[in-house]
Amino acid sequence: MSKAWYDDLPEKQGQMYDESVRRIKNAVEKSMSFEQAASLVDVEDERLKAAIVDDALKVLIAEMHFARKKTVEEVAKALKLSPELITKARAEMLGEVEQSAIDAYKREHGQNGPEGNA
């Protein structure tokens, strides 16, 4: 994925990030709603907390929807969220993957910007 501001977190915050995402996933696996699970995140930095919650949702969608082939409606029901929210998060995630692929291609081929034969 493309490099985000939180990719350069100090090691302690990075561990907190990873543990918080795991905590959300584990709580959801025990039938807690996504919102209830997200409330378990005990991080003072609101920007970091928002990133953790956002990424945890995308990880759960990837695992449930893409890996386990559950429908958007099934994912929404399992997480106790609206199908519209799941669809929006899925679209954001796919956009991030697309941008990451573009960035990787440009790095690999030494391209810094759009080029063409105008």
PDB file of N, CA and C in Angstrom:
ATOM      1  N   MET A   1       0.840  -1.182   0.000  1.00  0.00           N
ATOM      2  CA  MET A   1       0.000   0.000   0.000  1.00  0.00           C
ATOM      3  C   MET A   1       0.883   1.244   0.000  1.00  0.00           C
ATOM      4  N   SER A   2       0.281   2.339  -0.332  1.00  0.00           N
ATOM      5  CA  SER A   2       1.043   3.573  -0.356  1.00  0.00           C
ATOM      6  C   SER A   2       1.440   3.967   1.062  1.00  0.00           C
ATOM      7  N   LYS A   3       2.515   4.694   1.166  1.00  0.00           N
ATOM      8  CA  LYS A   3       3.050   5.084   2.472  1.00  0.00           C
ATOM      9  C   LYS A   3       2.140   6.117   3.118  1.00  0.00           C
ATOM     10  N   ALA A   4       1.711   5.823   4.319  1.00  0.00           N
ATOM     11  CA  ALA A   4       0.837   6.719   5.071  1.00  0.00           C
ATOM     12  C   ALA A   4       1.642   7.390   6.174  1.00  0.00           C
ATOM     13  N   TRP A   5       1.109   8.475   6.723  1.00  0.00           N
ATOM     14  CA  TRP A   5       1.811   9.223   7.773  1.00  0.00           C
ATOM     15  C   TRP A   5       2.157   8.345   8.957  1.00  0.00           C
ATOM     16  N   TYR A   6       1.347   7.329   9.242  1.00  0.00           N
ATOM     17  CA  TYR A   6       1.586   6.512  10.420  1.00  0.00           C
ATOM     18  C   TYR A   6       2.543   5.353  10.153  1.00  0.00           C
ATOM     19  N   ASP A   7       3.053   5.228   8.913  1.00  0.00           N
ATOM     20  CA  ASP A   7       4.036   4.190   8.615  1.00  0.00           C
ATOM     21  C   ASP A   7       5.364   4.440   9.328  1.00  0.00           C
ATOM     22  N   ASP A   8       5.627   5.692   9.694  1.00  0.00           N
ATOM     23  CA  ASP A   8       6.885   6.043  10.344  1.00  0.00           C
ATOM     24  C   ASP A   8       6.736   6.231  11.855  1.00  0.00           C
ATOM     25  N   LEU A   9       5.759   5.590  12.439  1.00  0.00           N
ATOM     26  CA  LEU A   9       5.552   5.707  13.884  1.00  0.00           C
ATOM     27  C   LEU A   9       6.739   5.123  14.636  1.00  0.00           C
ATOM     28  N   PRO A  10       7.042   5.701  15.788  1.00  0.00           N
ATOM     29  CA  PRO A  10       8.065   5.083  16.635  1.00  0.00           C
ATOM     30  C   PRO A  10       7.635   3.653  16.964  1.00  0.00           C
ATOM     31  N   GLU A  11       8.600   2.809  17.282  1.00  0.00           N
ATOM     32  CA  GLU A  11       8.331   1.387  17.495  1.00  0.00           C
ATOM     33  C   GLU A  11       7.214   1.142  18.513  1.00  0.00           C
ATOM     34  N   LYS A  12       7.217   1.870  19.624  1.00  0.00           N
ATOM     35  CA  LYS A  12       6.205   1.662  20.665  1.00  0.00           C
ATOM     36  C   LYS A  12       4.805   1.956  20.124  1.00  0.00           C
ATOM     37  N   GLN A  13       4.655   3.049  19.364  1.00  0.00           N
ATOM     38  CA  GLN A  13       3.352   3.375  18.792  1.00  0.00           C
ATOM     39  C   GLN A  13       2.964   2.369  17.718  1.00  0.00           C
ATOM     40  N   GLY A  14       3.943   1.897  16.972  1.00  0.00           N
ATOM     41  CA  GLY A  14       3.677   0.883  15.953  1.00  0.00           C
ATOM     42  C   GLY A  14       3.157  -0.397  16.578  1.00  0.00           C
ATOM     43  N   GLN A  15       3.734  -0.778  17.712  1.00  0.00           N
ATOM     44  CA  GLN A  15       3.261  -1.962  18.435  1.00  0.00           C
ATOM     45  C   GLN A  15       1.851  -1.736  18.965  1.00  0.00           C
ATOM     46  N   MET A  16       1.575  -0.528  19.444  1.00  0.00           N
ATOM     47  CA  MET A  16       0.238  -0.180  19.935  1.00  0.00           C
ATOM     48  C   MET A  16      -0.773  -0.273  18.789  1.00  0.00           C
ATOM     49  N   TYR A  17      -0.372   0.208  17.631  1.00  0.00           N
ATOM     50  CA  TYR A  17      -1.209   0.158  16.434  1.00  0.00           C
ATOM     51  C   TYR A  17      -1.554  -1.298  16.106  1.00  0.00           C
ATOM     52  N   ASP A  18      -0.519  -2.145  16.008  1.00  0.00           N
ATOM     53  CA  ASP A  18      -0.732  -3.552  15.671  1.00  0.00           C
ATOM     54  C   ASP A  18      -1.609  -4.250  16.707  1.00  0.00           C
ATOM     55  N   GLU A  19      -1.340  -4.005  17.975  1.00  0.00           N
ATOM     56  CA  GLU A  19      -2.118  -4.636  19.053  1.00  0.00           C
ATOM     57  C   GLU A  19      -3.573  -4.170  19.012  1.00  0.00           C
ATOM     58  N   SER A  20      -3.799  -2.907  18.729  1.00  0.00           N
ATOM     59  CA  SER A  20      -5.164  -2.380  18.681  1.00  0.00           C
ATOM     60  C   SER A  20      -5.954  -2.989  17.534  1.00  0.00           C
ATOM     61  N   VAL A  21      -5.326  -3.143  16.364  1.00  0.00           N
ATOM     62  CA  VAL A  21      -6.003  -3.780  15.233  1.00  0.00           C
ATOM     63  C   VAL A  21      -6.340  -5.227  15.600  1.00  0.00           C
ATOM     64  N   ARG A  22      -5.393  -5.935  16.219  1.00  0.00           N
ATOM     65  CA  ARG A  22      -5.646  -7.318  16.657  1.00  0.00           C
ATOM     66  C   ARG A  22      -6.794  -7.379  17.664  1.00  0.00           C
ATOM     67  N   ARG A  23      -6.818  -6.428  18.592  1.00  0.00           N
ATOM     68  CA  ARG A  23      -7.870  -6.412  19.615  1.00  0.00           C
ATOM     69  C   ARG A  23      -9.248  -6.255  18.974  1.00  0.00           C
ATOM     70  N   ILE A  24      -9.345  -5.377  17.989  1.00  0.00           N
ATOM     71  CA  ILE A  24     -10.623  -5.176  17.289  1.00  0.00           C
ATOM     72  C   ILE A  24     -11.023  -6.462  16.574  1.00  0.00           C
ATOM     73  N   LYS A  25     -10.090  -7.057  15.851  1.00  0.00           N
ATOM     74  CA  LYS A  25     -10.388  -8.299  15.120  1.00  0.00           C
ATOM     75  C   LYS A  25     -10.848  -9.398  16.071  1.00  0.00           C
ATOM     76  N   ASN A  26     -10.150  -9.571  17.181  1.00  0.00           N
ATOM     77  CA  ASN A  26     -10.504 -10.615  18.148  1.00  0.00           C
ATOM     78  C   ASN A  26     -11.890 -10.370  18.741  1.00  0.00           C
ATOM     79  N   ALA A  27     -12.200  -9.128  19.053  1.00  0.00           N
ATOM     80  CA  ALA A  27     -13.503  -8.806  19.633  1.00  0.00           C
ATOM     81  C   ALA A  27     -14.624  -9.097  18.639  1.00  0.00           C
ATOM     82  N   VAL A  28     -14.407  -8.759  17.371  1.00  0.00           N
ATOM     83  CA  VAL A  28     -15.410  -9.033  16.335  1.00  0.00           C
ATOM     84  C   VAL A  28     -15.598 -10.542  16.180  1.00  0.00           C
ATOM     85  N   GLU A  29     -14.502 -11.294  16.227  1.00  0.00           N
ATOM     86  CA  GLU A  29     -14.589 -12.755  16.122  1.00  0.00           C
ATOM     87  C   GLU A  29     -15.395 -13.353  17.265  1.00  0.00           C
ATOM     88  N   LYS A  30     -15.477 -12.624  18.393  1.00  0.00           N
ATOM     89  CA  LYS A  30     -16.265 -13.088  19.544  1.00  0.00           C
ATOM     90  C   LYS A  30     -17.666 -12.483  19.529  1.00  0.00           C
ATOM     91  N   SER A  31     -18.128 -12.079  18.332  1.00  0.00           N
ATOM     92  CA  SER A  31     -19.487 -11.577  18.089  1.00  0.00           C
ATOM     93  C   SER A  31     -19.766 -10.173  18.596  1.00  0.00           C
ATOM     94  N   MET A  32     -18.739  -9.408  18.900  1.00  0.00           N
ATOM     95  CA  MET A  32     -18.945  -8.016  19.278  1.00  0.00           C
ATOM     96  C   MET A  32     -19.159  -7.211  17.997  1.00  0.00           C
ATOM     97  N   SER A  33     -19.980  -6.171  18.058  1.00  0.00           N
ATOM     98  CA  SER A  33     -20.159  -5.319  16.881  1.00  0.00           C
ATOM     99  C   SER A  33     -18.843  -4.597  16.604  1.00  0.00           C
ATOM    100  N   PHE A  34     -18.679  -4.133  15.370  1.00  0.00           N
ATOM    101  CA  PHE A  34     -17.451  -3.416  15.038  1.00  0.00           C
ATOM    102  C   PHE A  34     -17.318  -2.169  15.903  1.00  0.00           C
ATOM    103  N   GLU A  35     -18.396  -1.436  16.086  1.00  0.00           N
ATOM    104  CA  GLU A  35     -18.336  -0.215  16.895  1.00  0.00           C
ATOM    105  C   GLU A  35     -17.961  -0.514  18.338  1.00  0.00           C
ATOM    106  N   GLN A  36     -18.503  -1.597  18.898  1.00  0.00           N
ATOM    107  CA  GLN A  36     -18.132  -1.983  20.265  1.00  0.00           C
ATOM    108  C   GLN A  36     -16.649  -2.345  20.319  1.00  0.00           C
ATOM    109  N   ALA A  37     -16.202  -3.105  19.330  1.00  0.00           N
ATOM    110  CA  ALA A  37     -14.797  -3.504  19.279  1.00  0.00           C
ATOM    111  C   ALA A  37     -13.887  -2.289  19.130  1.00  0.00           C
ATOM    112  N   ALA A  38     -14.284  -1.354  18.285  1.00  0.00           N
ATOM    113  CA  ALA A  38     -13.479  -0.143  18.073  1.00  0.00           C
ATOM    114  C   ALA A  38     -13.388   0.682  19.349  1.00  0.00           C
ATOM    115  N   SER A  39     -14.412   0.623  20.190  1.00  0.00           N
ATOM    116  CA  SER A  39     -14.380   1.396  21.435  1.00  0.00           C
ATOM    117  C   SER A  39     -13.346   0.854  22.416  1.00  0.00           C
ATOM    118  N   LEU A  40     -12.827  -0.333  22.162  1.00  0.00           N
ATOM    119  CA  LEU A  40     -11.800  -0.920  23.025  1.00  0.00           C
ATOM    120  C   LEU A  40     -10.428  -0.301  22.788  1.00  0.00           C
ATOM    121  N   VAL A  41     -10.279   0.435  21.693  1.00  0.00           N
ATOM    122  CA  VAL A  41      -8.990   1.039  21.364  1.00  0.00           C
ATOM    123  C   VAL A  41      -8.713   2.158  22.356  1.00  0.00           C
ATOM    124  N   ASP A  42      -7.622   2.004  23.095  1.00  0.00           N
ATOM    125  CA  ASP A  42      -7.252   2.969  24.125  1.00  0.00           C
ATOM    126  C   ASP A  42      -6.010   3.729  23.674  1.00  0.00           C
ATOM    127  N   VAL A  43      -6.224   4.654  22.734  1.00  0.00           N
ATOM    128  CA  VAL A  43      -5.130   5.448  22.181  1.00  0.00           C
ATOM    129  C   VAL A  43      -5.523   6.912  22.317  1.00  0.00           C
ATOM    130  N   GLU A  44      -4.644   7.706  22.917  1.00  0.00           N
ATOM    131  CA  GLU A  44      -4.963   9.117  23.154  1.00  0.00           C
ATOM    132  C   GLU A  44      -4.934   9.955  21.883  1.00  0.00           C
ATOM    133  N   ASP A  45      -4.019   9.645  20.977  1.00  0.00           N
ATOM    134  CA  ASP A  45      -3.881  10.399  19.731  1.00  0.00           C
ATOM    135  C   ASP A  45      -5.082  10.073  18.832  1.00  0.00           C
ATOM    136  N   GLU A  46      -5.980  11.034  18.682  1.00  0.00           N
ATOM    137  CA  GLU A  46      -7.219  10.805  17.928  1.00  0.00           C
ATOM    138  C   GLU A  46      -6.951  10.465  16.465  1.00  0.00           C
ATOM    139  N   ARG A  47      -5.911  11.053  15.894  1.00  0.00           N
ATOM    140  CA  ARG A  47      -5.579  10.771  14.501  1.00  0.00           C
ATOM    141  C   ARG A  47      -5.113   9.325  14.351  1.00  0.00           C
ATOM    142  N   LEU A  48      -4.300   8.863  15.274  1.00  0.00           N
ATOM    143  CA  LEU A  48      -3.841   7.477  15.257  1.00  0.00           C
ATOM    144  C   LEU A  48      -5.005   6.530  15.519  1.00  0.00           C
ATOM    145  N   LYS A  49      -5.858   6.882  16.462  1.00  0.00           N
ATOM    146  CA  LYS A  49      -7.013   6.039  16.777  1.00  0.00           C
ATOM    147  C   LYS A  49      -7.918   5.893  15.555  1.00  0.00           C
ATOM    148  N   ALA A  50      -8.158   6.983  14.852  1.00  0.00           N
ATOM    149  CA  ALA A  50      -8.992   6.930  13.645  1.00  0.00           C
ATOM    150  C   ALA A  50      -8.359   6.042  12.584  1.00  0.00           C
ATOM    151  N   ALA A  51      -7.039   6.118  12.437  1.00  0.00           N
ATOM    152  CA  ALA A  51      -6.336   5.285  11.459  1.00  0.00           C
ATOM    153  C   ALA A  51      -6.440   3.810  11.833  1.00  0.00           C
ATOM    154  N   ILE A  52      -6.319   3.514  13.110  1.00  0.00           N
ATOM    155  CA  ILE A  52      -6.425   2.131  13.587  1.00  0.00           C
ATOM    156  C   ILE A  52      -7.805   1.577  13.274  1.00  0.00           C
ATOM    157  N   VAL A  53      -8.834   2.321  13.612  1.00  0.00           N
ATOM    158  CA  VAL A  53     -10.210   1.874  13.399  1.00  0.00           C
ATOM    159  C   VAL A  53     -10.484   1.691  11.905  1.00  0.00           C
ATOM    160  N   ASP A  54     -10.051   2.649  11.103  1.00  0.00           N
ATOM    161  CA  ASP A  54     -10.240   2.583   9.658  1.00  0.00           C
ATOM    162  C   ASP A  54      -9.536   1.364   9.069  1.00  0.00           C
ATOM    163  N   ASP A  55      -8.295   1.148   9.463  1.00  0.00           N
ATOM    164  CA  ASP A  55      -7.541   0.017   8.935  1.00  0.00           C
ATOM    165  C   ASP A  55      -8.102  -1.314   9.425  1.00  0.00           C
ATOM    166  N   ALA A  56      -8.532  -1.370  10.662  1.00  0.00           N
ATOM    167  CA  ALA A  56      -9.111  -2.609  11.181  1.00  0.00           C
ATOM    168  C   ALA A  56     -10.369  -2.979  10.390  1.00  0.00           C
ATOM    169  N   LEU A  57     -11.181  -1.983  10.070  1.00  0.00           N
ATOM    170  CA  LEU A  57     -12.375  -2.255   9.267  1.00  0.00           C
ATOM    171  C   LEU A  57     -11.979  -2.815   7.906  1.00  0.00           C
ATOM    172  N   LYS A  58     -10.982  -2.216   7.284  1.00  0.00           N
ATOM    173  CA  LYS A  58     -10.550  -2.681   5.964  1.00  0.00           C
ATOM    174  C   LYS A  58      -9.953  -4.087   6.028  1.00  0.00           C
ATOM    175  N   VAL A  59      -9.220  -4.389   7.088  1.00  0.00           N
ATOM    176  CA  VAL A  59      -8.670  -5.741   7.255  1.00  0.00           C
ATOM    177  C   VAL A  59      -9.815  -6.744   7.389  1.00  0.00           C
ATOM    178  N   LEU A  60     -10.801  -6.409   8.195  1.00  0.00           N
ATOM    179  CA  LEU A  60     -11.942  -7.313   8.370  1.00  0.00           C
ATOM    180  C   LEU A  60     -12.707  -7.508   7.062  1.00  0.00           C
ATOM    181  N   ILE A  61     -12.893  -6.438   6.319  1.00  0.00           N
ATOM    182  CA  ILE A  61     -13.573  -6.553   5.024  1.00  0.00           C
ATOM    183  C   ILE A  61     -12.763  -7.442   4.091  1.00  0.00           C
ATOM    184  N   ALA A  62     -11.458  -7.237   4.049  1.00  0.00           N
ATOM    185  CA  ALA A  62     -10.607  -8.052   3.176  1.00  0.00           C
ATOM    186  C   ALA A  62     -10.713  -9.531   3.546  1.00  0.00           C
ATOM    187  N   GLU A  63     -10.648  -9.810   4.832  1.00  0.00           N
ATOM    188  CA  GLU A  63     -10.712 -11.198   5.279  1.00  0.00           C
ATOM    189  C   GLU A  63     -12.074 -11.823   5.022  1.00  0.00           C
ATOM    190  N   MET A  64     -13.126 -11.097   5.352  1.00  0.00           N
ATOM    191  CA  MET A  64     -14.471 -11.660   5.248  1.00  0.00           C
ATOM    192  C   MET A  64     -14.995 -11.669   3.807  1.00  0.00           C
ATOM    193  N   HIS A  65     -14.835 -10.554   3.126  1.00  0.00           N
ATOM    194  CA  HIS A  65     -15.433 -10.396   1.799  1.00  0.00           C
ATOM    195  C   HIS A  65     -14.591 -11.044   0.702  1.00  0.00           C
ATOM    196  N   PHE A  66     -13.313 -10.725   0.700  1.00  0.00           N
ATOM    197  CA  PHE A  66     -12.460 -11.223  -0.376  1.00  0.00           C
ATOM    198  C   PHE A  66     -11.936 -12.626  -0.095  1.00  0.00           C
ATOM    199  N   ALA A  67     -11.446 -12.882   1.117  1.00  0.00           N
ATOM    200  CA  ALA A  67     -10.866 -14.190   1.418  1.00  0.00           C
ATOM    201  C   ALA A  67     -11.931 -15.263   1.649  1.00  0.00           C
ATOM    202  N   ARG A  68     -12.965 -14.923   2.389  1.00  0.00           N
ATOM    203  CA  ARG A  68     -14.006 -15.917   2.715  1.00  0.00           C
ATOM    204  C   ARG A  68     -15.219 -15.835   1.798  1.00  0.00           C
ATOM    205  N   LYS A  69     -15.186 -14.912   0.855  1.00  0.00           N
ATOM    206  CA  LYS A  69     -16.232 -14.770  -0.175  1.00  0.00           C
ATOM    207  C   LYS A  69     -17.618 -14.454   0.392  1.00  0.00           C
ATOM    208  N   LYS A  70     -17.676 -13.749   1.518  1.00  0.00           N
ATOM    209  CA  LYS A  70     -18.966 -13.320   2.068  1.00  0.00           C
ATOM    210  C   LYS A  70     -19.455 -12.110   1.287  1.00  0.00           C
ATOM    211  N   THR A  71     -20.756 -11.980   1.157  1.00  0.00           N
ATOM    212  CA  THR A  71     -21.317 -10.823   0.459  1.00  0.00           C
ATOM    213  C   THR A  71     -21.168  -9.578   1.331  1.00  0.00           C
ATOM    214  N   VAL A  72     -21.345  -8.427   0.713  1.00  0.00           N
ATOM    215  CA  VAL A  72     -21.309  -7.167   1.463  1.00  0.00           C
ATOM    216  C   VAL A  72     -22.355  -7.202   2.571  1.00  0.00           C
ATOM    217  N   GLU A  73     -23.518  -7.720   2.262  1.00  0.00           N
ATOM    218  CA  GLU A  73     -24.595  -7.789   3.254  1.00  0.00           C
ATOM    219  C   GLU A  73     -24.222  -8.701   4.418  1.00  0.00           C
ATOM    220  N   GLU A  74     -23.568  -9.824   4.133  1.00  0.00           N
ATOM    221  CA  GLU A  74     -23.135 -10.733   5.196  1.00  0.00           C
ATOM    222  C   GLU A  74     -22.062 -10.086   6.072  1.00  0.00           C
ATOM    223  N   VAL A  75     -21.147  -9.373   5.453  1.00  0.00           N
ATOM    224  CA  VAL A  75     -20.101  -8.670   6.213  1.00  0.00           C
ATOM    225  C   VAL A  75     -20.739  -7.606   7.091  1.00  0.00           C
ATOM    226  N   ALA A  76     -21.663  -6.844   6.505  1.00  0.00           N
ATOM    227  CA  ALA A  76     -22.346  -5.789   7.255  1.00  0.00           C
ATOM    228  C   ALA A  76     -23.081  -6.372   8.458  1.00  0.00           C
ATOM    229  N   LYS A  77     -23.757  -7.480   8.242  1.00  0.00           N
ATOM    230  CA  LYS A  77     -24.501  -8.117   9.330  1.00  0.00           C
ATOM    231  C   LYS A  77     -23.548  -8.604  10.430  1.00  0.00           C
ATOM    232  N   ALA A  78     -22.442  -9.219  10.036  1.00  0.00           N
ATOM    233  CA  ALA A  78     -21.478  -9.730  11.013  1.00  0.00           C
ATOM    234  C   ALA A  78     -20.856  -8.598  11.833  1.00  0.00           C
ATOM    235  N   LEU A  79     -20.603  -7.459  11.184  1.00  0.00           N
ATOM    236  CA  LEU A  79     -19.978  -6.335  11.873  1.00  0.00           C
ATOM    237  C   LEU A  79     -20.997  -5.396  12.506  1.00  0.00           C
ATOM    238  N   LYS A  80     -22.272  -5.638  12.193  1.00  0.00           N
ATOM    239  CA  LYS A  80     -23.373  -4.801  12.682  1.00  0.00           C
ATOM    240  C   LYS A  80     -23.208  -3.355  12.204  1.00  0.00           C
ATOM    241  N   LEU A  81     -22.887  -3.246  10.907  1.00  0.00           N
ATOM    242  CA  LEU A  81     -22.746  -1.957  10.231  1.00  0.00           C
ATOM    243  C   LEU A  81     -23.646  -1.961   9.004  1.00  0.00           C
ATOM    244  N   SER A  82     -23.853  -0.792   8.419  1.00  0.00           N
ATOM    245  CA  SER A  82     -24.703  -0.720   7.227  1.00  0.00           C
ATOM    246  C   SER A  82     -23.942  -1.232   6.008  1.00  0.00           C
ATOM    247  N   PRO A  83     -24.657  -1.856   5.067  1.00  0.00           N
ATOM    248  CA  PRO A  83     -24.013  -2.286   3.820  1.00  0.00           C
ATOM    249  C   PRO A  83     -23.376  -1.111   3.074  1.00  0.00           C
ATOM    250  N   GLU A  84     -23.978   0.067   3.199  1.00  0.00           N
ATOM    251  CA  GLU A  84     -23.429   1.253   2.533  1.00  0.00           C
ATOM    252  C   GLU A  84     -22.043   1.597   3.090  1.00  0.00           C
ATOM    253  N   LEU A  85     -21.874   1.492   4.398  1.00  0.00           N
ATOM    254  CA  LEU A  85     -20.582   1.771   5.018  1.00  0.00           C
ATOM    255  C   LEU A  85     -19.543   0.743   4.567  1.00  0.00           C
ATOM    256  N   ILE A  86     -19.937  -0.508   4.485  1.00  0.00           N
ATOM    257  CA  ILE A  86     -19.028  -1.558   4.030  1.00  0.00           C
ATOM    258  C   ILE A  86     -18.633  -1.304   2.575  1.00  0.00           C
ATOM    259  N   THR A  87     -19.606  -0.951   1.744  1.00  0.00           N
ATOM    260  CA  THR A  87     -19.332  -0.671   0.335  1.00  0.00           C
ATOM    261  C   THR A  87     -18.380   0.512   0.193  1.00  0.00           C
ATOM    262  N   LYS A  88     -18.594   1.550   0.984  1.00  0.00           N
ATOM    263  CA  LYS A  88     -17.723   2.736   0.933  1.00  0.00           C
ATOM    264  C   LYS A  88     -16.299   2.376   1.354  1.00  0.00           C
ATOM    265  N   ALA A  89     -16.152   1.645   2.447  1.00  0.00           N
ATOM    266  CA  ALA A  89     -14.824   1.255   2.934  1.00  0.00           C
ATOM    267  C   ALA A  89     -14.135   0.337   1.930  1.00  0.00           C
ATOM    268  N   ARG A  90     -14.900  -0.560   1.314  1.00  0.00           N
ATOM    269  CA  ARG A  90     -14.341  -1.464   0.302  1.00  0.00           C
ATOM    270  C   ARG A  90     -13.819  -0.669  -0.892  1.00  0.00           C
ATOM    271  N   ALA A  91     -14.573   0.332  -1.326  1.00  0.00           N
ATOM    272  CA  ALA A  91     -14.155   1.165  -2.452  1.00  0.00           C
ATOM    273  C   ALA A  91     -12.883   1.937  -2.115  1.00  0.00           C
ATOM    274  N   GLU A  92     -12.800   2.478  -0.897  1.00  0.00           N
ATOM    275  CA  GLU A  92     -11.589   3.183  -0.464  1.00  0.00           C
ATOM    276  C   GLU A  92     -10.391   2.237  -0.473  1.00  0.00           C
ATOM    277  N   MET A  93     -10.608   1.038   0.030  1.00  0.00           N
ATOM    278  CA  MET A  93      -9.546   0.051   0.099  1.00  0.00           C
ATOM    279  C   MET A  93      -9.059  -0.316  -1.301  1.00  0.00           C
ATOM    280  N   LEU A  94      -9.972  -0.542  -2.215  1.00  0.00           N
ATOM    281  CA  LEU A  94      -9.587  -0.881  -3.587  1.00  0.00           C
ATOM    282  C   LEU A  94      -8.854   0.283  -4.247  1.00  0.00           C
ATOM    283  N   GLY A  95      -9.277   1.508  -3.949  1.00  0.00           N
ATOM    284  CA  GLY A  95      -8.578   2.683  -4.461  1.00  0.00           C
ATOM    285  C   GLY A  95      -7.158   2.770  -3.931  1.00  0.00           C
ATOM    286  N   GLU A  96      -6.975   2.431  -2.658  1.00  0.00           N
ATOM    287  CA  GLU A  96      -5.643   2.440  -2.055  1.00  0.00           C
ATOM    288  C   GLU A  96      -4.755   1.370  -2.687  1.00  0.00           C
ATOM    289  N   VAL A  97      -5.331   0.207  -2.953  1.00  0.00           N
ATOM    290  CA  VAL A  97      -4.573  -0.869  -3.594  1.00  0.00           C
ATOM    291  C   VAL A  97      -4.173  -0.451  -5.004  1.00  0.00           C
ATOM    292  N   GLU A  98      -5.096   0.162  -5.722  1.00  0.00           N
ATOM    293  CA  GLU A  98      -4.807   0.627  -7.073  1.00  0.00           C
ATOM    294  C   GLU A  98      -3.676   1.662  -7.050  1.00  0.00           C
ATOM    295  N   GLN A  99      -3.765   2.635  -6.137  1.00  0.00           N
ATOM    296  CA  GLN A  99      -2.733   3.663  -6.051  1.00  0.00           C
ATOM    297  C   GLN A  99      -1.389   3.059  -5.676  1.00  0.00           C
ATOM    298  N   SER A 100      -1.407   2.084  -4.793  1.00  0.00           N
ATOM    299  CA  SER A 100      -0.185   1.412  -4.391  1.00  0.00           C
ATOM    300  C   SER A 100       0.467   0.707  -5.579  1.00  0.00           C
ATOM    301  N   ALA A 101      -0.344   0.068  -6.401  1.00  0.00           N
ATOM    302  CA  ALA A 101       0.172  -0.608  -7.591  1.00  0.00           C
ATOM    303  C   ALA A 101       0.771   0.399  -8.570  1.00  0.00           C
ATOM    304  N   ILE A 102       0.112   1.517  -8.740  1.00  0.00           N
ATOM    305  CA  ILE A 102       0.623   2.571  -9.622  1.00  0.00           C
ATOM    306  C   ILE A 102       1.951   3.098  -9.094  1.00  0.00           C
ATOM    307  N   ASP A 103       2.017   3.363  -7.792  1.00  0.00           N
ATOM    308  CA  ASP A 103       3.246   3.866  -7.180  1.00  0.00           C
ATOM    309  C   ASP A 103       4.381   2.858  -7.329  1.00  0.00           C
ATOM    310  N   ALA A 104       4.086   1.578  -7.121  1.00  0.00           N
ATOM    311  CA  ALA A 104       5.105   0.536  -7.251  1.00  0.00           C
ATOM    312  C   ALA A 104       5.602   0.447  -8.694  1.00  0.00           C
ATOM    313  N   TYR A 105       4.698   0.546  -9.637  1.00  0.00           N
ATOM    314  CA  TYR A 105       5.078   0.512 -11.053  1.00  0.00           C
ATOM    315  C   TYR A 105       5.998   1.679 -11.380  1.00  0.00           C
ATOM    316  N   LYS A 106       5.640   2.849 -10.911  1.00  0.00           N
ATOM    317  CA  LYS A 106       6.454   4.038 -11.180  1.00  0.00           C
ATOM    318  C   LYS A 106       7.843   3.910 -10.556  1.00  0.00           C
ATOM    319  N   ARG A 107       7.915   3.393  -9.331  1.00  0.00           N
ATOM    320  CA  ARG A 107       9.218   3.201  -8.687  1.00  0.00           C
ATOM    321  C   ARG A 107      10.054   2.196  -9.474  1.00  0.00           C
ATOM    322  N   GLU A 108       9.425   1.122  -9.884  1.00  0.00           N
ATOM    323  CA  GLU A 108      10.117   0.059 -10.594  1.00  0.00           C
ATOM    324  C   GLU A 108      10.616   0.515 -11.963  1.00  0.00           C
ATOM    325  N   HIS A 109       9.881   1.378 -12.607  1.00  0.00           N
ATOM    326  CA  HIS A 109      10.207   1.813 -13.958  1.00  0.00           C
ATOM    327  C   HIS A 109      10.774   3.231 -14.010  1.00  0.00           C
ATOM    328  N   GLY A 110      11.051   3.804 -12.830  1.00  0.00           N
ATOM    329  CA  GLY A 110      11.694   5.101 -12.780  1.00  0.00           C
ATOM    330  C   GLY A 110      10.874   6.251 -13.308  1.00  0.00           C
ATOM    331  N   GLN A 111       9.560   6.161 -13.150  1.00  0.00           N
ATOM    332  CA  GLN A 111       8.684   7.232 -13.604  1.00  0.00           C
ATOM    333  C   GLN A 111       8.250   8.071 -12.423  1.00  0.00           C
ATOM    334  N   ASN A 112       8.389   9.376 -12.552  1.00  0.00           N
ATOM    335  CA  ASN A 112       8.007  10.271 -11.466  1.00  0.00           C
ATOM    336  C   ASN A 112       6.696  10.985 -11.726  1.00  0.00           C
ATOM    337  N   GLY A 113       6.217  10.949 -12.917  1.00  0.00           N
ATOM    338  CA  GLY A 113       4.986  11.670 -13.218  1.00  0.00           C
ATOM    339  C   GLY A 113       4.409  11.173 -14.512  1.00  0.00           C
ATOM    340  N   PRO A 114       3.265  11.743 -14.892  1.00  0.00           N
ATOM    341  CA  PRO A 114       2.629  11.294 -16.125  1.00  0.00           C
ATOM    342  C   PRO A 114       3.469  11.687 -17.341  1.00  0.00           C
ATOM    343  N   GLU A 115       3.628  10.746 -18.227  1.00  0.00           N
ATOM    344  CA  GLU A 115       4.322  10.996 -19.468  1.00  0.00           C
ATOM    345  C   GLU A 115       3.433  10.524 -20.606  1.00  0.00           C
ATOM    346  N   GLY A 116       3.614  11.089 -21.717  1.00  0.00           N
ATOM    347  CA  GLY A 116       2.787  10.659 -22.837  1.00  0.00           C
ATOM    348  C   GLY A 116       3.303  11.221 -24.129  1.00  0.00           C
ATOM    349  N   ASN A 117       2.657  10.829 -25.170  1.00  0.00           N
ATOM    350  CA  ASN A 117       3.000  11.297 -26.518  1.00  0.00           C
ATOM    351  C   ASN A 117       1.914  12.236 -26.980  1.00  0.00           C
ATOM    352  N   ALA A 118       1.928  13.444 -26.468  1.00  0.00           N
ATOM    353  CA  ALA A 118       0.875  14.402 -26.799  1.00  0.00           C
ATOM    354  C   ALA A 118       1.030  14.934 -28.192  1.00  0.00           C
TER     355      ALA A 118
END
